[in-house]
Amino acid sequence: MSASRHSLRWIVITGSIVAALVIIPIIVLFSMFVFRDNPGAKSFDDALQAFRAGDPSEIESIGAVVVRPPAGVYQSDASGKASISFPPTSQNYGTLAPVTVTHQGDNCWTTTVDFNTAFQQRWNYCIDNGVLTEHSNHTTTSWDLGATSITNLSEFNCSPPGEIIKTGERRDEVSTYACIGTSDSISGTTTSDVTFESLGAESLYINSVATPTFHYRERDILTGPQKGTTTIDYWYSLQDMLLVRMERHINLRTDSPVGEVTYKEDGEWQLSSLTPVR
């Protein structure tokens, strides 16, 4: 065999080895992405354990029309889906989503919803002079990309606090306020202009029991690094301001080094019991 043909054969073999070394990791990463696990429902016991590790203070009346709900972990039935456009992936709500109420100080509380093990949102409420107000909300979302995962923590603070429910509330009343948000994975600040509309009293059946509620619709317009709209319907118990149902429709766009990334979410949850576990 001539030296030139011998060299050519080794060039071909070497090229094949290099190509294999490049392609095999890509195939492995692609397989890990395709066959990644979808986050499951967060268990009620895990939520209860987290609650008990905090402050399980007792229910307390503020002596006004608006009172805060009993602390503890509630069970809810949920269905929904969240997705991002790049890398294209999605995650479903857990069919059972724990809802945790923790008391803060004398007249405030936090409502936390675990949509699944990778997606949690919490709202910080207070009663200010007989008015239910939102002070802030926090969202944590993790995405399994196969070989790695990314987690985003966003926080929106409302100053002054947004007025949600007032004494003598009536249908079609509208309140507006603004919240300023930051994210640990997105530079800059996002402004959320909130319109909160009262849709009146409704009766929801929870565990076969008719529960009087007040129905509200929140519409947000986001500007800044995150842009888009959210529409969220809330049903609060007239007895104690417990959040008993939610419907969510979200469409947001975020600039990134790879172009614009779209986040979409559609889902709902409703308590299956009005009795918390502590």
C-alpha atoms as a PDB file:
ATOM      1  CA  MET A   1       0.000   0.000   0.000  1.00  0.00           C
ATOM      2  CA  SER A   2       1.378   3.395  -0.892  1.00  0.00           C
ATOM      3  CA  ALA A   3       2.189   5.921   1.792  1.00  0.00           C
ATOM      4  CA  SER A   4      -0.370   8.356   0.362  1.00  0.00           C
ATOM      5  CA  ARG A   5      -3.189   5.787   0.474  1.00  0.00           C
ATOM      6  CA  HIS A   6      -2.106   4.736   3.981  1.00  0.00           C
ATOM      7  CA  SER A   7      -2.234   8.365   5.129  1.00  0.00           C
ATOM      8  CA  LEU A   8      -5.618   8.850   3.472  1.00  0.00           C
ATOM      9  CA  ARG A   9      -7.042   5.850   5.310  1.00  0.00           C
ATOM     10  CA  TRP A  10      -5.869   7.231   8.656  1.00  0.00           C
ATOM     11  CA  ILE A  11      -7.300  10.626   7.805  1.00  0.00           C
ATOM     12  CA  VAL A  12     -10.670   8.996   7.124  1.00  0.00           C
ATOM     13  CA  ILE A  13     -10.491   6.941  10.339  1.00  0.00           C
ATOM     14  CA  THR A  14      -9.425   9.966  12.389  1.00  0.00           C
ATOM     15  CA  GLY A  15     -12.218  12.041  10.858  1.00  0.00           C
ATOM     16  CA  SER A  16     -14.737   9.355  11.698  1.00  0.00           C
ATOM     17  CA  ILE A  17     -13.539   9.223  15.311  1.00  0.00           C
ATOM     18  CA  VAL A  18     -13.759  13.018  15.663  1.00  0.00           C
ATOM     19  CA  ALA A  19     -17.235  13.039  14.110  1.00  0.00           C
ATOM     20  CA  ALA A  20     -18.347  10.294  16.468  1.00  0.00           C
ATOM     21  CA  LEU A  21     -16.959  12.177  19.461  1.00  0.00           C
ATOM     22  CA  VAL A  22     -18.950  15.235  18.378  1.00  0.00           C
ATOM     23  CA  ILE A  23     -22.182  13.477  17.404  1.00  0.00           C
ATOM     24  CA  ILE A  24     -22.463  11.007  20.295  1.00  0.00           C
ATOM     25  CA  PRO A  25     -22.702  13.705  23.025  1.00  0.00           C
ATOM     26  CA  ILE A  26     -25.278  15.537  20.921  1.00  0.00           C
ATOM     27  CA  ILE A  27     -27.332  12.353  20.600  1.00  0.00           C
ATOM     28  CA  VAL A  28     -27.002  11.731  24.346  1.00  0.00           C
ATOM     29  CA  LEU A  29     -28.060  15.294  25.208  1.00  0.00           C
ATOM     30  CA  PHE A  30     -30.958  15.128  22.754  1.00  0.00           C
ATOM     31  CA  SER A  31     -32.099  11.810  24.234  1.00  0.00           C
ATOM     32  CA  MET A  32     -31.890  13.220  27.758  1.00  0.00           C
ATOM     33  CA  PHE A  33     -33.995  16.208  26.665  1.00  0.00           C
ATOM     34  CA  VAL A  34     -36.623  14.088  24.882  1.00  0.00           C
ATOM     35  CA  PHE A  35     -36.954  11.565  27.703  1.00  0.00           C
ATOM     36  CA  ARG A  36     -36.761  14.036  30.602  1.00  0.00           C
ATOM     37  CA  ASP A  37     -39.291  13.642  33.403  1.00  0.00           C
ATOM     38  CA  ASN A  38     -42.301  15.925  33.747  1.00  0.00           C
ATOM     39  CA  PRO A  39     -42.520  17.399  37.273  1.00  0.00           C
ATOM     40  CA  GLY A  40     -45.184  15.611  39.261  1.00  0.00           C
ATOM     41  CA  ALA A  41     -47.684  16.939  41.743  1.00  0.00           C
ATOM     42  CA  LYS A  42     -46.271  18.155  45.028  1.00  0.00           C
ATOM     43  CA  SER A  43     -47.564  15.811  47.699  1.00  0.00           C
ATOM     44  CA  PHE A  44     -49.955  17.060  50.366  1.00  0.00           C
ATOM     45  CA  ASP A  45     -47.674  15.597  53.055  1.00  0.00           C
ATOM     46  CA  ASP A  46     -44.672  17.581  51.755  1.00  0.00           C
ATOM     47  CA  ALA A  47     -46.689  20.803  51.826  1.00  0.00           C
ATOM     48  CA  LEU A  48     -47.971  19.986  55.329  1.00  0.00           C
ATOM     49  CA  GLN A  49     -44.441  19.299  56.576  1.00  0.00           C
ATOM     50  CA  ALA A  50     -43.252  22.636  55.162  1.00  0.00           C
ATOM     51  CA  PHE A  51     -46.182  24.401  56.836  1.00  0.00           C
ATOM     52  CA  ARG A  52     -45.509  22.783  60.216  1.00  0.00           C
ATOM     53  CA  ALA A  53     -41.893  23.882  59.988  1.00  0.00           C
ATOM     54  CA  GLY A  54     -43.150  27.478  59.888  1.00  0.00           C
ATOM     55  CA  ASP A  55     -45.682  29.274  62.096  1.00  0.00           C
ATOM     56  CA  PRO A  56     -49.017  27.411  62.259  1.00  0.00           C
ATOM     57  CA  SER A  57     -50.779  30.232  64.118  1.00  0.00           C
ATOM     58  CA  GLU A  58     -54.491  29.985  64.772  1.00  0.00           C
ATOM     59  CA  ILE A  59     -57.260  31.799  62.913  1.00  0.00           C
ATOM     60  CA  GLU A  60     -57.721  35.349  64.097  1.00  0.00           C
ATOM     61  CA  SER A  61     -60.514  37.811  63.449  1.00  0.00           C
ATOM     62  CA  ILE A  62     -59.445  41.392  62.872  1.00  0.00           C
ATOM     63  CA  GLY A  63     -62.795  42.729  64.023  1.00  0.00           C
ATOM     64  CA  ALA A  64     -63.712  44.013  60.563  1.00  0.00           C
ATOM     65  CA  VAL A  65     -65.821  42.819  57.659  1.00  0.00           C
ATOM     66  CA  VAL A  66     -62.664  41.484  56.041  1.00  0.00           C
ATOM     67  CA  VAL A  67     -60.884  38.782  58.067  1.00  0.00           C
ATOM     68  CA  ARG A  68     -57.980  36.520  57.214  1.00  0.00           C
ATOM     69  CA  PRO A  69     -58.436  32.810  56.491  1.00  0.00           C
ATOM     70  CA  PRO A  70     -57.476  29.907  58.781  1.00  0.00           C
ATOM     71  CA  ALA A  71     -53.847  28.866  58.516  1.00  0.00           C
ATOM     72  CA  GLY A  72     -52.977  25.391  57.263  1.00  0.00           C
ATOM     73  CA  VAL A  73     -52.692  23.293  54.123  1.00  0.00           C
ATOM     74  CA  TYR A  74     -55.707  22.883  51.836  1.00  0.00           C
ATOM     75  CA  GLN A  75     -56.122  20.373  49.033  1.00  0.00           C
ATOM     76  CA  SER A  76     -57.196  21.456  45.567  1.00  0.00           C
ATOM     77  CA  ASP A  77     -57.994  19.793  42.248  1.00  0.00           C
ATOM     78  CA  ALA A  78     -55.974  21.292  39.403  1.00  0.00           C
ATOM     79  CA  SER A  79     -55.427  21.046  35.669  1.00  0.00           C
ATOM     80  CA  GLY A  80     -53.285  23.158  33.390  1.00  0.00           C
ATOM     81  CA  LYS A  81     -50.098  23.523  31.402  1.00  0.00           C
ATOM     82  CA  ALA A  82     -47.172  25.955  31.196  1.00  0.00           C
ATOM     83  CA  SER A  83     -44.719  26.086  28.280  1.00  0.00           C
ATOM     84  CA  ILE A  84     -41.717  27.986  26.931  1.00  0.00           C
ATOM     85  CA  SER A  85     -40.869  28.355  23.245  1.00  0.00           C
ATOM     86  CA  PHE A  86     -37.082  27.854  23.561  1.00  0.00           C
ATOM     87  CA  PRO A  87     -35.958  25.315  24.214  1.00  0.00           C
ATOM     88  CA  PRO A  88     -39.470  24.051  23.401  1.00  0.00           C
ATOM     89  CA  THR A  89     -40.699  22.334  26.537  1.00  0.00           C
ATOM     90  CA  SER A  90     -43.720  22.287  28.827  1.00  0.00           C
ATOM     91  CA  GLN A  91     -44.912  21.074  32.211  1.00  0.00           C
ATOM     92  CA  ASN A  92     -48.361  20.174  33.516  1.00  0.00           C
ATOM     93  CA  TYR A  93     -50.014  21.144  36.758  1.00  0.00           C
ATOM     94  CA  GLY A  94     -50.265  18.350  39.270  1.00  0.00           C
ATOM     95  CA  THR A  95     -53.798  16.944  39.450  1.00  0.00           C
ATOM     96  CA  LEU A  96     -53.702  17.703  43.177  1.00  0.00           C
ATOM     97  CA  ALA A  97     -52.159  21.069  44.101  1.00  0.00           C
ATOM     98  CA  PRO A  98     -51.613  21.916  47.790  1.00  0.00           C
ATOM     99  CA  VAL A  99     -52.626  25.446  48.811  1.00  0.00           C
ATOM    100  CA  THR A 100     -50.913  26.679  51.990  1.00  0.00           C
ATOM    101  CA  VAL A 101     -52.003  29.625  54.126  1.00  0.00           C
ATOM    102  CA  THR A 102     -49.473  30.952  56.664  1.00  0.00           C
ATOM    103  CA  HIS A 103     -50.158  33.875  58.984  1.00  0.00           C
ATOM    104  CA  GLN A 104     -47.705  36.765  59.078  1.00  0.00           C
ATOM    105  CA  GLY A 105     -47.856  39.197  62.004  1.00  0.00           C
ATOM    106  CA  ASP A 106     -51.239  40.429  63.230  1.00  0.00           C
ATOM    107  CA  ASN A 107     -53.131  41.040  60.002  1.00  0.00           C
ATOM    108  CA  CYS A 108     -51.193  39.544  57.093  1.00  0.00           C
ATOM    109  CA  TRP A 109     -50.870  36.128  55.502  1.00  0.00           C
ATOM    110  CA  THR A 110     -49.293  34.301  52.581  1.00  0.00           C
ATOM    111  CA  THR A 111     -51.160  32.017  50.187  1.00  0.00           C
ATOM    112  CA  THR A 112     -48.860  29.554  48.422  1.00  0.00           C
ATOM    113  CA  VAL A 113     -49.915  27.327  45.521  1.00  0.00           C
ATOM    114  CA  ASP A 114     -47.690  24.408  44.499  1.00  0.00           C
ATOM    115  CA  PHE A 115     -48.789  23.785  40.904  1.00  0.00           C
ATOM    116  CA  ASN A 116     -46.288  20.921  40.767  1.00  0.00           C
ATOM    117  CA  THR A 117     -42.899  20.089  42.302  1.00  0.00           C
ATOM    118  CA  ALA A 118     -41.169  22.589  39.982  1.00  0.00           C
ATOM    119  CA  PHE A 119     -43.677  25.466  39.925  1.00  0.00           C
ATOM    120  CA  GLN A 120     -44.784  27.501  42.925  1.00  0.00           C
ATOM    121  CA  GLN A 121     -46.365  30.913  43.366  1.00  0.00           C
ATOM    122  CA  ARG A 122     -47.205  32.784  46.552  1.00  0.00           C
ATOM    123  CA  TRP A 123     -49.144  35.969  47.271  1.00  0.00           C
ATOM    124  CA  ASN A 124     -48.634  38.201  50.297  1.00  0.00           C
ATOM    125  CA  TYR A 125     -51.887  39.714  51.556  1.00  0.00           C
ATOM    126  CA  CYS A 126     -52.732  42.077  54.406  1.00  0.00           C
ATOM    127  CA  ILE A 127     -55.838  43.662  55.874  1.00  0.00           C
ATOM    128  CA  ASP A 128     -55.337  47.418  55.979  1.00  0.00           C
ATOM    129  CA  ASN A 129     -58.201  49.360  57.602  1.00  0.00           C
ATOM    130  CA  GLY A 130     -60.725  46.678  56.617  1.00  0.00           C
ATOM    131  CA  VAL A 131     -59.406  46.386  53.052  1.00  0.00           C
ATOM    132  CA  LEU A 132     -57.816  43.255  51.578  1.00  0.00           C
ATOM    133  CA  THR A 133     -54.573  44.331  49.910  1.00  0.00           C
ATOM    134  CA  GLU A 134     -51.875  42.605  47.865  1.00  0.00           C
ATOM    135  CA  HIS A 135     -48.332  43.589  48.846  1.00  0.00           C
ATOM    136  CA  SER A 136     -46.266  41.272  46.657  1.00  0.00           C
ATOM    137  CA  ASN A 137     -46.154  37.968  44.811  1.00  0.00           C
ATOM    138  CA  HIS A 138     -43.316  35.549  44.116  1.00  0.00           C
ATOM    139  CA  THR A 139     -42.976  32.826  41.475  1.00  0.00           C
ATOM    140  CA  THR A 140     -40.414  30.014  41.296  1.00  0.00           C
ATOM    141  CA  THR A 141     -40.280  27.857  38.168  1.00  0.00           C
ATOM    142  CA  SER A 142     -37.773  25.149  37.240  1.00  0.00           C
ATOM    143  CA  TRP A 143     -37.422  23.654  33.760  1.00  0.00           C
ATOM    144  CA  ASP A 144     -35.883  20.236  33.127  1.00  0.00           C
ATOM    145  CA  LEU A 145     -33.791  20.428  29.942  1.00  0.00           C
ATOM    146  CA  GLY A 146     -32.489  16.876  30.138  1.00  0.00           C
ATOM    147  CA  ALA A 147     -28.767  17.327  30.775  1.00  0.00           C
ATOM    148  CA  THR A 148     -29.383  20.348  32.978  1.00  0.00           C
ATOM    149  CA  SER A 149     -32.162  22.430  34.472  1.00  0.00           C
ATOM    150  CA  ILE A 150     -32.849  26.127  34.885  1.00  0.00           C
ATOM    151  CA  THR A 151     -34.716  27.832  37.720  1.00  0.00           C
ATOM    152  CA  ASN A 152     -36.219  31.304  37.586  1.00  0.00           C
ATOM    153  CA  LEU A 153     -37.289  33.289  40.635  1.00  0.00           C
ATOM    154  CA  SER A 154     -39.355  36.422  40.009  1.00  0.00           C
ATOM    155  CA  GLU A 155     -40.713  38.867  42.563  1.00  0.00           C
ATOM    156  CA  PHE A 156     -43.265  41.651  42.098  1.00  0.00           C
ATOM    157  CA  ASN A 157     -43.754  44.273  44.798  1.00  0.00           C
ATOM    158  CA  CYS A 158     -46.793  46.527  44.865  1.00  0.00           C
ATOM    159  CA  SER A 159     -46.247  49.958  46.442  1.00  0.00           C
ATOM    160  CA  PRO A 160     -48.633  51.259  47.531  1.00  0.00           C
ATOM    161  CA  PRO A 161     -50.341  47.883  48.066  1.00  0.00           C
ATOM    162  CA  GLY A 162     -53.106  47.065  45.620  1.00  0.00           C
ATOM    163  CA  GLU A 163     -56.643  47.251  47.032  1.00  0.00           C
ATOM    164  CA  ILE A 164     -58.556  44.081  46.187  1.00  0.00           C
ATOM    165  CA  ILE A 165     -61.645  43.800  48.423  1.00  0.00           C
ATOM    166  CA  LYS A 166     -63.183  46.668  50.357  1.00  0.00           C
ATOM    167  CA  THR A 167     -66.047  46.872  52.827  1.00  0.00           C
ATOM    168  CA  GLY A 168     -69.292  47.305  50.897  1.00  0.00           C
ATOM    169  CA  GLU A 169     -67.762  45.921  47.693  1.00  0.00           C
ATOM    170  CA  ARG A 170     -70.150  45.850  44.715  1.00  0.00           C
ATOM    171  CA  ARG A 171     -70.209  44.328  41.245  1.00  0.00           C
ATOM    172  CA  ASP A 172     -68.317  46.173  38.481  1.00  0.00           C
ATOM    173  CA  GLU A 173     -66.106  48.146  40.864  1.00  0.00           C
ATOM    174  CA  VAL A 174     -62.602  48.536  39.437  1.00  0.00           C
ATOM    175  CA  SER A 175     -59.305  49.272  41.145  1.00  0.00           C
ATOM    176  CA  THR A 176     -55.933  49.845  39.498  1.00  0.00           C
ATOM    177  CA  TYR A 177     -52.410  49.654  40.825  1.00  0.00           C
ATOM    178  CA  ALA A 178     -48.869  48.904  39.663  1.00  0.00           C
ATOM    179  CA  CYS A 179     -46.313  46.314  40.757  1.00  0.00           C
ATOM    180  CA  ILE A 180     -42.597  46.376  39.936  1.00  0.00           C
ATOM    181  CA  GLY A 181     -40.915  43.048  39.228  1.00  0.00           C
ATOM    182  CA  THR A 182     -37.401  41.640  39.049  1.00  0.00           C
ATOM    183  CA  SER A 183     -36.062  38.242  38.052  1.00  0.00           C
ATOM    184  CA  ASP A 184     -32.832  36.490  38.961  1.00  0.00           C
ATOM    185  CA  SER A 185     -32.392  35.394  35.333  1.00  0.00           C
ATOM    186  CA  ILE A 186     -33.513  38.567  33.509  1.00  0.00           C
ATOM    187  CA  SER A 187     -31.799  41.935  33.901  1.00  0.00           C
ATOM    188  CA  GLY A 188     -33.837  45.079  34.439  1.00  0.00           C
ATOM    189  CA  THR A 189     -37.239  45.705  35.994  1.00  0.00           C
ATOM    190  CA  THR A 190     -40.684  44.857  34.648  1.00  0.00           C
ATOM    191  CA  THR A 191     -43.759  46.975  35.359  1.00  0.00           C
ATOM    192  CA  SER A 192     -47.120  45.249  35.747  1.00  0.00           C
ATOM    193  CA  ASP A 193     -50.099  47.597  35.414  1.00  0.00           C
ATOM    194  CA  VAL A 194     -52.946  45.830  37.194  1.00  0.00           C
ATOM    195  CA  THR A 195     -56.687  46.267  36.729  1.00  0.00           C
ATOM    196  CA  PHE A 196     -58.783  44.443  39.343  1.00  0.00           C
ATOM    197  CA  GLU A 197     -62.488  44.162  38.516  1.00  0.00           C
ATOM    198  CA  SER A 198     -65.266  42.926  40.798  1.00  0.00           C
ATOM    199  CA  LEU A 199     -67.586  40.468  39.019  1.00  0.00           C
ATOM    200  CA  GLY A 200     -69.942  40.031  41.946  1.00  0.00           C
ATOM    201  CA  ALA A 201     -71.010  37.272  44.308  1.00  0.00           C
ATOM    202  CA  GLU A 202     -71.104  33.648  43.154  1.00  0.00           C
ATOM    203  CA  SER A 203     -71.787  30.339  44.869  1.00  0.00           C
ATOM    204  CA  LEU A 204     -69.207  27.577  44.338  1.00  0.00           C
ATOM    205  CA  TYR A 205     -69.753  23.979  45.396  1.00  0.00           C
ATOM    206  CA  ILE A 206     -66.773  22.730  47.374  1.00  0.00           C
ATOM    207  CA  ASN A 207     -67.023  19.184  48.685  1.00  0.00           C
ATOM    208  CA  SER A 208     -70.777  19.348  47.894  1.00  0.00           C
ATOM    209  CA  VAL A 209     -71.184  22.439  50.079  1.00  0.00           C
ATOM    210  CA  ALA A 210     -72.412  25.723  48.548  1.00  0.00           C
ATOM    211  CA  THR A 211     -69.779  28.338  49.369  1.00  0.00           C
ATOM    212  CA  PRO A 212     -70.546  32.067  48.909  1.00  0.00           C
ATOM    213  CA  THR A 213     -67.650  33.782  47.143  1.00  0.00           C
ATOM    214  CA  PHE A 214     -66.765  37.069  45.520  1.00  0.00           C
ATOM    215  CA  HIS A 215     -65.403  36.732  41.975  1.00  0.00           C
ATOM    216  CA  TYR A 216     -62.642  39.059  40.763  1.00  0.00           C
ATOM    217  CA  ARG A 217     -60.766  39.339  37.474  1.00  0.00           C
ATOM    218  CA  GLU A 218     -57.222  40.660  37.307  1.00  0.00           C
ATOM    219  CA  ARG A 219     -55.812  41.889  34.007  1.00  0.00           C
ATOM    220  CA  ASP A 220     -52.122  42.765  33.853  1.00  0.00           C
ATOM    221  CA  ILE A 221     -50.160  44.512  31.127  1.00  0.00           C
ATOM    222  CA  LEU A 222     -46.416  43.924  31.515  1.00  0.00           C
ATOM    223  CA  THR A 223     -43.760  46.177  30.020  1.00  0.00           C
ATOM    224  CA  GLY A 224     -39.978  46.061  30.235  1.00  0.00           C
ATOM    225  CA  PRO A 225     -37.757  42.973  29.861  1.00  0.00           C
ATOM    226  CA  GLN A 226     -40.926  40.886  30.135  1.00  0.00           C
ATOM    227  CA  LYS A 227     -43.825  41.936  27.927  1.00  0.00           C
ATOM    228  CA  GLY A 228     -47.332  40.602  27.508  1.00  0.00           C
ATOM    229  CA  THR A 229     -50.615  40.073  29.292  1.00  0.00           C
ATOM    230  CA  THR A 230     -52.068  37.988  32.075  1.00  0.00           C
ATOM    231  CA  THR A 231     -55.708  37.386  32.959  1.00  0.00           C
ATOM    232  CA  ILE A 232     -56.347  35.700  36.302  1.00  0.00           C
ATOM    233  CA  ASP A 233     -59.749  35.084  37.898  1.00  0.00           C
ATOM    234  CA  TYR A 234     -59.947  34.743  41.686  1.00  0.00           C
ATOM    235  CA  TRP A 235     -62.778  33.534  43.906  1.00  0.00           C
ATOM    236  CA  TYR A 236     -62.465  34.560  47.578  1.00  0.00           C
ATOM    237  CA  SER A 237     -64.677  33.136  50.319  1.00  0.00           C
ATOM    238  CA  LEU A 238     -66.977  35.839  51.712  1.00  0.00           C
ATOM    239  CA  GLN A 239     -66.588  34.306  55.171  1.00  0.00           C
ATOM    240  CA  ASP A 240     -62.843  34.645  55.639  1.00  0.00           C
ATOM    241  CA  MET A 241     -61.185  35.799  52.375  1.00  0.00           C
ATOM    242  CA  LEU A 242     -59.826  32.315  51.688  1.00  0.00           C
ATOM    243  CA  LEU A 243     -58.789  32.000  48.035  1.00  0.00           C
ATOM    244  CA  VAL A 244     -60.837  28.984  46.900  1.00  0.00           C
ATOM    245  CA  ARG A 245     -60.513  29.001  43.105  1.00  0.00           C
ATOM    246  CA  MET A 246     -58.275  30.448  40.390  1.00  0.00           C
ATOM    247  CA  GLU A 247     -58.219  30.461  36.576  1.00  0.00           C
ATOM    248  CA  ARG A 248     -55.038  31.584  34.786  1.00  0.00           C
ATOM    249  CA  HIS A 249     -54.299  32.683  31.196  1.00  0.00           C
ATOM    250  CA  ILE A 250     -50.789  34.072  30.670  1.00  0.00           C
ATOM    251  CA  ASN A 251     -48.848  35.060  27.543  1.00  0.00           C
ATOM    252  CA  LEU A 252     -45.439  36.680  28.119  1.00  0.00           C
ATOM    253  CA  ARG A 253     -42.414  37.388  25.911  1.00  0.00           C
ATOM    254  CA  THR A 254     -38.855  37.815  27.122  1.00  0.00           C
ATOM    255  CA  ASP A 255     -35.764  38.961  25.201  1.00  0.00           C
ATOM    256  CA  SER A 256     -32.827  36.555  25.390  1.00  0.00           C
ATOM    257  CA  PRO A 257     -29.438  35.973  23.651  1.00  0.00           C
ATOM    258  CA  VAL A 258     -31.177  33.434  21.371  1.00  0.00           C
ATOM    259  CA  GLY A 259     -34.074  35.731  20.514  1.00  0.00           C
ATOM    260  CA  GLU A 260     -37.514  36.249  21.986  1.00  0.00           C
ATOM    261  CA  VAL A 261     -38.752  33.478  24.272  1.00  0.00           C
ATOM    262  CA  THR A 262     -42.508  33.079  24.806  1.00  0.00           C
ATOM    263  CA  TYR A 263     -44.062  31.773  28.016  1.00  0.00           C
ATOM    264  CA  LYS A 264     -47.667  30.561  27.943  1.00  0.00           C
ATOM    265  CA  GLU A 265     -49.838  29.176  30.689  1.00  0.00           C
ATOM    266  CA  ASP A 266     -53.478  28.120  30.880  1.00  0.00           C
ATOM    267  CA  GLY A 267     -54.951  26.352  33.879  1.00  0.00           C
ATOM    268  CA  GLU A 268     -57.225  26.330  36.892  1.00  0.00           C
ATOM    269  CA  TRP A 269     -57.532  24.954  40.400  1.00  0.00           C
ATOM    270  CA  GLN A 270     -60.268  24.789  43.032  1.00  0.00           C
ATOM    271  CA  LEU A 271     -60.198  23.718  46.661  1.00  0.00           C
ATOM    272  CA  SER A 272     -61.716  20.308  47.304  1.00  0.00           C
ATOM    273  CA  SER A 273     -62.093  21.018  51.043  1.00  0.00           C
ATOM    274  CA  LEU A 274     -62.506  24.134  53.176  1.00  0.00           C
ATOM    275  CA  THR A 275     -60.913  22.454  56.190  1.00  0.00           C
ATOM    276  CA  PRO A 276     -57.134  23.004  56.504  1.00  0.00           C
ATOM    277  CA  VAL A 277     -54.736  20.459  57.920  1.00  0.00           C
ATOM    278  CA  ARG A 278     -52.156  21.736  60.414  1.00  0.00           C
END
